[in-house]
C-alpha cells in the first residue's frame, strides 16, 4: 500500500504538463517521497535549482517537515546546504523557526552553518516553538549573544516570541540581559511590548543581578 502511494506520488509529479525535472524533484520533496527523490537525483537533477514556482527541493522538504525526503537530499554530494533564499534565510533557519529538531540535527550533521553574520539559526529557534532546538544549537557552538543587523539578540526574540522555557535556558547559558538593540530596547522591553509581564520581570531581575555582579568586581 505504502509503495503504491509512493509510486502514485511520483507518477503525479511526472504527469504535470510541462513539468521539468526540478519541478518533479521539488514535488517529490513536498510529498515526502524518498524513492522519488532518490530516482530523480540518480537521473542527475540538480537539487540546488528552483522549480517553476521558485521553490527548491531542500527548502520545500524543510518547510513541509518531509523528513523521509530530506534524507536523500542531504545525502547528495551536489547539495549546497547553506544556499539562502531571497530573504537571506538558510534551510537551517527555517527548520529552527519551525522547531523541527530532527531536521535541524540532520542539517547540522550535513554541515549546515550554525553561525552566520546577521540573523542566525539561534535567533530563529528562539522565535518559534523550539522543541529543544535552541539547546541543541548552543551545544553545537551557536553564538549565544549573536547580533542581527539591527542589534537584536536571541534573548530578545525569546523574550517576546519564544516559549516559556527559552528565556531561563538562555540566561542560564550566560546570555546578556543588559544588551540593547539599535532602538535601545533590551530583552525586558521586548517582553513588555509582547505583553509578557512575568518574563519582563525575570529579565529585569537578571539585569540587576548582572549589574550588581559587575559593580562588586
Protein backbone atom coordinates (compact mmCIF):
# COMPACT_ATOMS: atom_id res chain seq x y z
CA UNK A 1 0.00 0.00 0.00
CA UNK A 2 2.72 2.49 1.01
CA UNK A 3 4.83 1.58 -2.02
CA UNK A 4 1.79 2.11 -4.20
CA UNK A 5 1.20 5.57 -2.75
CA UNK A 6 4.84 6.50 -3.28
CA UNK A 7 4.66 5.37 -6.88
CA UNK A 8 1.46 7.32 -7.34
CA UNK A 9 3.14 10.43 -5.96
CA UNK A 10 5.98 10.18 -8.44
CA UNK A 11 3.56 9.46 -11.26
CA UNK A 12 1.55 12.55 -10.40
CA UNK A 13 4.71 14.63 -10.42
CA UNK A 14 5.81 13.46 -13.83
CA UNK A 15 2.33 13.77 -15.25
CA UNK A 16 2.12 17.52 -14.68
CA UNK A 17 2.00 19.22 -18.06
CA UNK A 18 5.28 20.88 -18.88
CA UNK A 19 6.88 19.83 -15.59
CA UNK A 20 10.65 19.97 -15.64
CA UNK A 21 12.89 17.54 -13.72
CA UNK A 22 13.42 20.09 -10.95
CA UNK A 23 9.64 20.52 -10.67
CA UNK A 24 9.39 16.77 -10.23
CA UNK A 25 12.13 16.73 -7.59
CA UNK A 26 10.57 19.56 -5.61
CA UNK A 27 7.18 17.84 -5.80
CA UNK A 28 8.71 14.60 -4.53
CA UNK A 29 10.23 16.53 -1.63
CA UNK A 30 6.88 18.15 -0.89
CA UNK A 31 5.13 14.77 -0.90
CA UNK A 32 7.80 13.27 1.39
CA UNK A 33 8.63 10.69 -1.27
CA UNK A 34 12.21 9.46 -0.68
CA UNK A 35 12.13 6.98 -3.57
CA UNK A 36 11.07 9.70 -5.96
CA UNK A 37 13.81 11.99 -4.66
CA UNK A 38 16.44 9.27 -4.99
CA UNK A 39 15.33 8.36 -8.51
CA UNK A 40 15.45 11.95 -9.74
CA UNK A 41 18.81 12.64 -8.12
CA UNK A 42 20.15 9.47 -9.75
CA UNK A 43 18.99 10.88 -13.08
CA UNK A 44 21.24 13.88 -12.48
CA UNK A 45 18.70 16.51 -11.42
CA UNK A 46 20.49 19.39 -9.67
CA UNK A 47 18.98 19.70 -6.17
CA UNK A 48 20.08 23.34 -5.89
CA UNK A 49 17.85 24.60 -8.70
CA UNK A 50 14.49 26.30 -8.17
CA UNK A 51 11.32 24.94 -9.71
CA UNK A 52 8.81 26.86 -11.82
CA UNK A 53 7.32 28.31 -8.62
CA UNK A 54 10.68 29.45 -7.27
CA UNK A 55 10.93 26.64 -4.71
CA UNK A 56 13.99 24.48 -4.12
CA UNK A 57 13.73 20.85 -3.02
CA UNK A 58 15.64 21.41 0.23
CA UNK A 59 13.60 24.40 1.42
CA UNK A 60 10.43 22.57 0.45
CA UNK A 61 11.37 19.44 2.38
CA UNK A 62 12.24 21.53 5.44
CA UNK A 63 9.07 23.63 5.30
CA UNK A 64 6.87 20.55 4.91
CA UNK A 65 8.88 18.63 7.53
CA UNK A 66 9.33 15.93 4.90
CA UNK A 67 11.98 14.07 6.87
CA UNK A 68 11.99 10.95 4.69
CA UNK A 69 12.58 13.02 1.57
CA UNK A 70 15.11 15.19 3.38
CA UNK A 71 17.47 12.26 3.96
CA UNK A 72 18.31 11.52 0.30
CA UNK A 73 18.58 15.22 -0.46
CA UNK A 74 21.16 15.67 2.28
CA UNK A 75 22.99 12.59 1.07
CA UNK A 76 23.52 14.19 -2.35
CA UNK A 77 27.12 15.42 -2.68
CA UNK A 78 25.87 18.13 -5.06
CA UNK A 79 23.61 19.75 -2.47
CA UNK A 80 24.65 23.20 -1.24
CA UNK A 81 23.17 23.05 2.22
CA UNK A 82 23.63 26.73 3.13
CA UNK A 83 22.16 28.31 0.00
CA UNK A 84 19.93 31.15 1.21
CA UNK A 85 16.53 32.16 -0.10
CA UNK A 86 15.53 35.64 -1.30
CA UNK A 87 15.04 36.72 2.32
CA UNK A 88 18.55 35.68 3.30
CA UNK A 89 17.33 32.64 5.25
CA UNK A 90 19.08 29.29 5.16
CA UNK A 91 17.31 25.91 5.36
CA UNK A 92 18.65 25.53 8.92
CA UNK A 93 16.98 28.80 9.93
CA UNK A 94 13.64 27.58 8.56
CA UNK A 95 13.97 24.26 10.36
CA UNK A 96 14.87 26.13 13.55
CA UNK A 97 11.90 28.52 13.49
CA UNK A 98 9.58 25.57 12.89
CA UNK A 99 11.02 23.76 15.88
CA UNK A 100 11.90 20.66 13.85
CA UNK A 101 14.73 19.18 15.91
CA UNK A 102 15.17 16.14 13.62
CA UNK A 103 15.58 18.37 10.58
CA UNK A 104 17.94 20.70 12.46
CA UNK A 105 20.11 17.78 13.55
CA UNK A 106 20.18 16.34 10.04
CA UNK A 107 21.15 19.68 8.51
CA UNK A 108 23.91 20.32 11.05
CA UNK A 109 25.24 16.79 10.54
CA UNK A 110 25.41 17.58 6.81
CA UNK A 111 27.50 20.66 7.55
CA UNK A 112 24.94 23.48 7.74
CA UNK A 113 26.43 26.59 9.34
CA UNK A 114 25.26 27.15 12.91
CA UNK A 115 26.66 30.69 12.98
CA UNK A 116 26.43 33.36 10.32
CA UNK A 117 26.51 37.16 10.03
CA UNK A 118 23.24 38.88 10.98
CA UNK A 119 20.20 36.78 11.79
CA UNK A 120 21.20 33.28 12.86
CA UNK A 121 19.51 29.91 13.30
CA UNK A 122 19.51 30.57 17.07
CA UNK A 123 17.54 33.81 16.57
CA UNK A 124 15.01 31.81 14.59
CA UNK A 125 14.84 28.97 17.10
CA UNK A 126 14.12 31.49 19.85
CA UNK A 127 11.14 32.91 17.97
CA UNK A 128 9.36 29.61 17.36
CA UNK A 129 8.07 26.60 19.28
CA UNK A 130 11.70 25.48 19.84
CA UNK A 131 11.20 21.83 20.90
CA UNK A 132 14.80 21.64 22.07
CA UNK A 133 16.33 23.30 19.01
CA UNK A 134 17.92 26.24 20.88
CA UNK A 135 19.65 23.98 23.40
CA UNK A 136 20.92 21.77 20.59
CA UNK A 137 22.27 24.73 18.60
CA UNK A 138 24.03 26.05 21.69
CA UNK A 139 25.61 22.64 22.21
CA UNK A 140 26.82 22.83 18.61
CA UNK A 141 28.56 26.15 19.24
CA UNK A 142 25.87 28.68 18.32
CA UNK A 143 26.84 32.20 19.36
CA UNK A 144 24.70 32.94 22.41
CA UNK A 145 24.72 36.74 22.10
CA UNK A 146 24.70 36.95 18.30
CA UNK A 147 23.56 40.29 16.90
CA UNK A 148 21.30 40.74 13.89
CA UNK A 149 21.76 43.69 11.54
CA UNK A 150 19.72 45.87 13.93
CA UNK A 151 21.37 44.56 17.08
CA UNK A 152 18.69 42.08 18.10
CA UNK A 153 19.87 39.10 20.16
CA UNK A 154 18.37 35.61 20.51
CA UNK A 155 17.36 36.52 24.07
CA UNK A 156 15.29 39.42 22.77
CA UNK A 157 13.49 37.12 20.34
CA UNK A 158 12.86 34.57 23.07
CA UNK A 159 11.55 37.28 25.39
CA UNK A 160 8.80 38.32 23.01
CA UNK A 161 8.11 35.28 20.84
CA UNK A 162 9.63 32.15 22.35
CA UNK A 163 8.15 29.53 24.64
CA UNK A 164 8.33 29.88 28.42
CA UNK A 165 11.46 27.74 28.77
CA UNK A 166 13.71 29.71 26.45
CA UNK A 167 14.49 32.81 28.50
CA UNK A 168 15.61 30.79 31.56
CA UNK A 169 17.61 28.50 29.25
CA UNK A 170 19.45 31.39 27.61
CA UNK A 171 20.07 33.22 30.88
CA UNK A 172 21.49 30.07 32.46
CA UNK A 173 23.77 29.67 29.43
CA UNK A 174 25.08 33.20 30.02
CA UNK A 175 23.01 35.39 27.69
CA UNK A 176 23.45 39.10 28.36
CA UNK A 177 20.12 40.62 29.52
CA UNK A 178 21.50 44.18 29.51
CA UNK A 179 22.21 44.21 25.77
CA UNK A 180 20.17 46.72 23.75
CA UNK A 181 19.43 46.89 20.03
CA UNK A 182 19.68 49.92 17.75
CA UNK A 183 16.41 51.26 19.19
CA UNK A 184 17.85 50.95 22.71
CA UNK A 185 15.42 48.15 23.52
CA UNK A 186 16.51 45.35 25.86
CA UNK A 187 15.09 41.85 26.12
CA UNK A 188 12.93 43.09 29.01
CA UNK A 189 11.50 45.76 26.72
CA UNK A 190 10.77 43.11 24.09
CA UNK A 191 8.88 41.06 26.67
CA UNK A 192 6.99 44.13 27.90
CA UNK A 193 5.91 45.05 24.37
CA UNK A 194 4.72 41.50 23.88
CA UNK A 195 2.54 41.68 27.00
CA UNK A 196 4.69 39.13 28.83
CA UNK A 197 4.92 40.79 32.22
CA UNK A 198 6.36 37.80 34.05
CA UNK A 199 9.15 37.37 31.52
CA UNK A 200 9.91 41.10 31.63
CA UNK A 201 10.20 40.96 35.44
CA UNK A 202 12.50 37.94 35.24
CA UNK A 203 14.75 39.75 32.78
CA UNK A 204 14.87 42.92 34.90
CA UNK A 205 15.97 40.82 37.88
CA UNK A 206 18.66 39.26 35.72
CA UNK A 207 19.78 42.72 34.60
CA UNK A 208 20.04 43.91 38.19
CA UNK A 209 21.98 40.81 39.20
CA UNK A 210 24.44 41.23 36.35
CA UNK A 211 24.83 44.91 37.17
CA UNK A 212 25.40 44.11 40.84
CA UNK A 213 27.95 41.43 39.98
CA UNK A 214 29.80 43.90 37.74
CA UNK A 215 29.82 46.55 40.45
CA UNK A 216 31.10 44.08 43.03
CA UNK A 217 34.10 43.36 40.87
